[in-house]
Amino acid sequence: MVPRYTQVRPQRLTMYTAYIMKRTQIYLDESQDERLARRAAAAGTTKSDLIREALDAFLAGHDDDRVRLQSFRAAVRAAAGTASRLPAGSRYVEDLRKADADRSAELDRRRRQ
């Protein structure tokens, strides 16, 4: 496959490949379009190229839920103990709930004054 270059504007060349791609259309919200445009400009490529790369990465993933679950569990095992400075999960949640209840009680006390 040999790329062919066509002059679109006086200072800009556009590359067309010898194979044919299927054209499709997607709808992006304004924020998605802006972020995609910034990322494409930073990478020196087009929004279409980034979308194709993301689609390829997504489609290369596993369809099998068991494989995804095994990968997730392996990641959790690998990360286990890396934040040893944090309390156990149940203790952490209890502390958060107590702090929230204390804050709520303090706000109620201030409203009554």
Foldseek 3Di string as FASTA:
>chain_A
DDWDWDDPDPVDIDIDDPDDDDDDDDDDPPVVVVVLCVVCVVVVHDSVVVVVVVVVVVVVDDPDPVVVVVVVVVVCVVCPPVPVVDDPPVVVVVVVVVVVVVVVVVVVVVVVD
